[in-house]
Amino acid sequence: MKRVLGVSSALLTMLLATPAFAGLAISTGGNAVLVAPPADSSPGAFENNLYTVWNESSGTIGSDVAVDYNGAATAGFIAGNQAFSGTTLTTGTAYGATMVQLDPLNDAIQHKSGEASITFSTKIIGIALRGTSLDATDTYGAAGTTYPTGYNPAAPDTRGIDFRSNDKFSVSADGKTLTLRLTANFNGFDQLRVFTAAAVPEPASLVVWTLLGAVVAGGSYWRRRTSGSWPPAGSGRSRAASGAPRRPRMPPTSPRPA
């Protein structure tokens, strides 16, 4: 029993130490790389010829916020100069937030940024694609990272996806992979923020938690019974109240004659 309790305690400690994140970016493909959140994501502060991707935060939406795309699967690519199907992330919605940035080195030339894909652990529920929605959702950015809130380059460029036919994105059929074809030529700079749904515990995980809870509760009962402290002090339970039979009193015996 002691061995079982030791193993269950170790497993419980490991599970409690695991961050309870909502869905976030788990892998990248093409010209994208998953990085740690930078100290500063302003134009020119964190340059890379690849699309840089970092997970920002998770929790619940504090107040209703509108974003530019609702995360639905697309039939091919949607261009930056097309109309988007937006959505509102309502107060209390559980989310994970991920930033995608393209800010190439050597701004004075034309870059071939190519294609990038980002896969998330859960479905996309909204994407902030324009400067207005990016500014409004910077509160869900990574702690310690400075964001270019209010950055407003000359049209048709924006802080986010530009109003151009050669800036494009698509969402996979399962809603978990975002593919991008963006341009950031001649001092170009693009950002977008992806919101994903909260992760739902798998049935196997629920079983593990239930079993661990039962083992820990049983172990507590077993320790009290074997430590001589049952019933617990202050419980008000006597032997009679617990239903245990009383031991009969034996009559006193007379001493034997010498």
Protein backbone atom coordinates (compact mmCIF):
# COMPACT_ATOMS: atom_id res chain seq x y z
CA MET A 1 0.00 0.00 0.00
CA LYS A 2 2.84 2.38 0.83
CA ARG A 3 4.38 1.72 -2.57
CA VAL A 4 1.07 2.45 -4.32
CA LEU A 5 0.71 5.69 -2.37
CA GLY A 6 4.24 6.72 -3.28
CA VAL A 7 3.69 6.12 -6.99
CA SER A 8 0.32 7.89 -6.99
CA SER A 9 1.77 10.89 -5.16
CA ALA A 10 4.57 11.13 -7.73
CA LEU A 11 2.09 10.98 -10.63
CA LEU A 12 -0.13 13.57 -9.00
CA THR A 13 2.84 15.89 -8.56
CA MET A 14 3.79 15.51 -12.24
CA LEU A 15 0.25 16.24 -13.42
CA LEU A 16 -0.11 19.30 -11.21
CA ALA A 17 3.24 20.60 -12.48
CA THR A 18 2.04 20.39 -16.11
CA PRO A 19 0.77 23.79 -17.40
CA ALA A 20 -2.96 23.75 -18.08
CA PHE A 21 -2.65 25.61 -21.39
CA ALA A 22 -5.42 25.98 -23.89
CA GLY A 23 -4.66 25.00 -27.47
CA LEU A 24 -1.45 26.62 -28.74
CA ALA A 25 0.97 26.25 -31.66
CA ILE A 26 2.69 22.88 -31.52
CA SER A 27 4.54 22.69 -34.85
CA THR A 28 5.51 24.71 -37.91
CA GLY A 29 6.25 23.91 -41.53
CA GLY A 30 7.71 25.64 -44.55
CA ASN A 31 9.45 28.95 -43.79
CA ALA A 32 8.24 29.24 -40.18
CA VAL A 33 10.00 28.72 -36.87
CA LEU A 34 8.59 28.43 -33.35
CA VAL A 35 10.46 30.76 -30.96
CA ALA A 36 10.31 32.07 -27.41
CA PRO A 37 8.45 35.39 -27.00
CA PRO A 38 10.84 38.26 -27.75
CA ALA A 39 11.36 41.29 -25.52
CA ASP A 40 10.22 43.60 -28.32
CA SER A 41 8.18 42.79 -31.45
CA SER A 42 8.16 46.31 -32.90
CA PRO A 43 9.27 46.74 -36.55
CA GLY A 44 13.02 46.19 -36.78
CA ALA A 45 13.39 44.95 -33.19
CA PHE A 46 13.07 41.21 -33.87
CA GLU A 47 13.98 40.63 -37.51
CA ASN A 48 14.12 37.25 -39.19
CA ASN A 49 13.74 36.16 -42.81
CA LEU A 50 11.48 33.37 -41.59
CA TYR A 51 7.99 33.69 -40.18
CA THR A 52 8.50 33.73 -36.40
CA VAL A 53 5.80 32.14 -34.25
CA TRP A 54 5.44 32.36 -30.49
CA ASN A 55 2.76 31.29 -28.04
CA GLU A 56 1.56 34.26 -26.02
CA SER A 57 -1.03 33.48 -23.35
CA SER A 58 -4.04 31.40 -22.40
CA GLY A 59 -7.05 31.98 -20.17
CA THR A 60 -10.48 33.52 -20.72
CA ILE A 61 -11.49 36.58 -22.72
CA GLY A 62 -12.00 39.52 -20.36
CA SER A 63 -14.50 41.43 -22.50
CA ASP A 64 -16.03 41.04 -25.96
CA VAL A 65 -13.48 41.64 -28.70
CA ALA A 66 -13.96 41.57 -32.48
CA VAL A 67 -11.43 39.81 -34.73
CA ASP A 68 -11.23 39.72 -38.51
CA TYR A 69 -11.67 36.01 -39.28
CA ASN A 70 -13.76 33.37 -37.55
CA GLY A 71 -11.35 30.44 -38.02
CA ALA A 72 -13.57 28.41 -40.35
CA ALA A 73 -11.93 26.09 -42.89
CA THR A 74 -11.30 27.79 -46.23
CA ALA A 75 -11.72 26.54 -49.77
CA GLY A 76 -8.26 27.55 -50.90
CA PHE A 77 -6.53 30.83 -50.02
CA ILE A 78 -8.16 34.12 -49.04
CA ALA A 79 -6.30 37.24 -50.20
CA GLY A 80 -5.70 40.33 -48.13
CA ASN A 81 -7.82 42.48 -50.43
CA GLN A 82 -10.87 40.24 -50.06
CA ALA A 83 -13.67 40.47 -47.49
CA PHE A 84 -13.22 38.39 -44.31
CA SER A 85 -15.84 36.64 -42.21
CA GLY A 86 -15.20 38.13 -38.80
CA THR A 87 -16.36 37.05 -35.36
CA THR A 88 -16.56 38.30 -31.78
CA LEU A 89 -14.77 36.45 -29.00
CA THR A 90 -17.20 36.86 -26.13
CA THR A 91 -16.47 37.44 -22.47
CA GLY A 92 -15.46 34.24 -20.69
CA THR A 93 -14.38 32.36 -23.82
CA ALA A 94 -11.45 30.09 -23.03
CA TYR A 95 -8.60 30.72 -25.45
CA GLY A 96 -4.96 30.30 -26.36
CA ALA A 97 -3.19 33.15 -28.23
CA THR A 98 -0.32 32.81 -30.68
CA MET A 99 1.54 35.54 -32.60
CA VAL A 100 2.88 35.15 -36.16
CA GLN A 101 5.31 37.81 -37.40
CA LEU A 102 7.18 38.49 -40.63
CA ASP A 103 9.85 41.19 -40.31
CA PRO A 104 12.73 40.36 -42.69
CA LEU A 105 16.35 41.43 -42.37
CA ASN A 106 17.68 44.02 -44.81
CA ASP A 107 14.49 45.99 -45.36
CA ALA A 108 15.70 47.73 -48.53
CA ILE A 109 15.22 44.72 -50.81
CA GLN A 110 12.42 42.51 -52.06
CA HIS A 111 12.03 39.28 -50.11
CA LYS A 112 10.68 35.92 -51.17
CA SER A 113 9.08 34.94 -47.89
CA GLY A 114 7.52 31.79 -49.31
CA GLU A 115 4.89 29.73 -47.54
CA ALA A 116 4.57 28.91 -43.86
CA SER A 117 2.21 26.66 -41.94
CA ILE A 118 1.43 26.59 -38.22
CA THR A 119 -0.40 23.68 -36.60
CA PHE A 120 -2.26 24.07 -33.31
CA SER A 121 -3.37 21.52 -30.73
CA THR A 122 -7.00 22.70 -30.94
CA LYS A 123 -9.20 24.47 -33.48
CA ILE A 124 -8.75 28.09 -34.49
CA ILE A 125 -11.63 30.22 -33.18
CA GLY A 126 -10.53 33.63 -34.47
CA ILE A 127 -7.68 35.52 -36.15
CA ALA A 128 -6.75 39.18 -35.72
CA LEU A 129 -5.52 40.13 -39.20
CA ARG A 130 -5.66 43.94 -39.32
CA GLY A 131 -4.08 46.65 -37.23
CA THR A 132 -7.30 47.55 -35.42
CA SER A 133 -7.96 44.05 -34.11
CA LEU A 134 -4.27 43.49 -33.33
CA ASP A 135 -4.23 46.66 -31.24
CA ALA A 136 -7.42 45.60 -29.45
CA THR A 137 -6.02 42.15 -28.60
CA ASP A 138 -2.49 43.15 -27.53
CA THR A 139 -3.71 42.68 -23.97
CA TYR A 140 -3.58 38.93 -24.71
CA GLY A 141 0.03 39.12 -25.85
CA ALA A 142 2.99 37.54 -24.08
CA ALA A 143 3.89 39.02 -20.72
CA GLY A 144 7.14 40.97 -21.04
CA THR A 145 6.86 41.50 -24.81
CA THR A 146 6.48 45.03 -26.21
CA TYR A 147 3.98 45.22 -29.08
CA PRO A 148 3.67 47.96 -31.75
CA THR A 149 0.19 48.99 -30.63
CA GLY A 150 -1.01 51.83 -32.83
CA TYR A 151 1.52 51.16 -35.61
CA ASN A 152 -0.15 52.42 -38.78
CA PRO A 153 1.93 52.33 -41.98
CA ALA A 154 0.75 53.92 -45.21
CA ALA A 155 -1.99 52.08 -47.10
CA PRO A 156 -2.29 49.51 -48.55
CA ASP A 157 0.03 48.17 -45.85
CA THR A 158 -1.17 47.55 -42.30
CA ARG A 159 0.36 46.21 -39.12
CA GLY A 160 -1.30 42.93 -40.08
CA ILE A 161 -2.07 41.34 -43.41
CA ASP A 162 -1.90 43.96 -46.16
CA PHE A 163 -4.71 44.94 -48.52
CA ARG A 164 -2.94 43.15 -51.38
CA SER A 165 -3.74 40.15 -53.53
CA ASN A 166 -0.35 38.56 -52.81
CA ASP A 167 -0.92 38.41 -49.02
CA LYS A 168 -2.91 35.22 -48.47
CA PHE A 169 -3.97 32.75 -45.80
CA SER A 170 -5.91 29.50 -45.53
CA VAL A 171 -7.27 27.29 -42.75
CA SER A 172 -7.23 23.50 -43.02
CA ALA A 173 -10.34 21.31 -43.07
CA ASP A 174 -9.88 20.28 -39.43
CA GLY A 175 -9.47 23.91 -38.38
CA LYS A 176 -6.08 23.35 -36.74
CA THR A 177 -3.53 24.45 -39.38
CA LEU A 178 -3.02 27.97 -40.69
CA THR A 179 -1.07 28.43 -43.93
CA LEU A 180 0.34 31.83 -44.92
CA ARG A 181 1.79 33.43 -48.03
CA LEU A 182 2.73 36.96 -47.01
CA THR A 183 5.01 39.65 -48.39
CA ALA A 184 7.12 42.07 -46.38
CA ASN A 185 9.17 43.85 -49.02
CA PHE A 186 10.94 47.20 -48.68
CA ASN A 187 10.48 47.84 -44.96
CA GLY A 188 7.46 45.56 -44.86
CA PHE A 189 6.15 44.21 -41.57
CA ASP A 190 3.28 41.79 -40.93
CA GLN A 191 1.74 40.40 -37.77
CA LEU A 192 -1.35 38.36 -37.00
CA ARG A 193 -2.71 36.85 -33.80
CA VAL A 194 -4.37 33.44 -33.75
CA PHE A 195 -6.89 32.48 -31.07
CA THR A 196 -7.49 28.78 -30.46
CA ALA A 197 -10.07 26.91 -28.39
CA ALA A 198 -9.46 25.57 -24.92
CA ALA A 199 -8.13 22.04 -24.79
CA VAL A 200 -10.68 19.41 -23.70
CA PRO A 201 -9.24 16.66 -21.44
CA GLU A 202 -9.07 13.28 -23.17
CA PRO A 203 -11.12 10.42 -21.66
CA ALA A 204 -7.89 8.64 -20.70
CA SER A 205 -6.76 11.71 -18.75
CA LEU A 206 -10.08 11.85 -16.90
CA VAL A 207 -9.72 8.18 -15.93
CA VAL A 208 -6.19 8.79 -14.60
CA TRP A 209 -7.34 11.74 -12.48
CA THR A 210 -10.29 9.73 -11.10
CA LEU A 211 -8.09 6.76 -10.21
CA LEU A 212 -5.50 8.98 -8.57
CA GLY A 213 -8.17 10.69 -6.51
CA ALA A 214 -9.52 7.32 -5.35
CA VAL A 215 -6.04 6.04 -4.44
CA VAL A 216 -5.17 9.18 -2.49
CA ALA A 217 -8.48 9.11 -0.61
CA GLY A 218 -8.05 5.41 0.15
CA GLY A 219 -4.51 5.98 1.30
CA SER A 220 -5.62 8.66 3.72
CA TYR A 221 -8.20 6.31 5.23
CA TRP A 222 -5.66 3.47 5.46
CA ARG A 223 -3.10 5.65 7.25
CA ARG A 224 -5.63 6.72 9.87
CA ARG A 225 -6.74 3.15 10.53
CA THR A 226 -3.18 1.85 10.93
CA SER A 227 -1.89 4.78 12.98
CA GLY A 228 -4.28 4.12 15.86
CA SER A 229 -6.05 7.43 15.38
CA TRP A 230 -9.42 6.03 14.31
CA PRO A 231 -11.95 7.36 14.87
CA PRO A 232 -10.40 10.83 14.36
CA ALA A 233 -9.97 12.97 17.44
CA GLY A 234 -12.86 15.39 17.94
CA SER A 235 -15.18 13.38 15.74
CA GLY A 236 -17.47 12.74 18.74
CA ARG A 237 -17.69 9.06 17.91
CA SER A 238 -17.43 6.60 20.78
CA ARG A 239 -17.14 2.84 20.58
CA ALA A 240 -20.82 2.57 21.37
CA ALA A 241 -21.76 5.17 18.76
CA SER A 242 -19.70 3.40 16.15
CA GLY A 243 -21.69 0.20 16.69
CA ALA A 244 -18.73 -1.84 18.00
CA PRO A 245 -19.82 -4.44 20.67
CA ARG A 246 -18.84 -3.76 24.28
CA ARG A 247 -16.53 -6.29 25.94
CA PRO A 248 -18.33 -7.91 28.95
CA ARG A 249 -16.96 -7.10 32.39
CA MET A 250 -15.59 -10.11 34.28
CA PRO A 251 -16.61 -10.53 37.99
CA PRO A 252 -13.80 -10.04 40.53
CA THR A 253 -12.10 -13.29 41.64
CA SER A 254 -11.42 -14.22 45.28
CA PRO A 255 -7.88 -15.00 46.30
CA ARG A 256 -7.08 -18.68 46.71
CA PRO A 257 -6.57 -19.95 50.31
CA ALA A 258 -2.96 -20.56 51.29
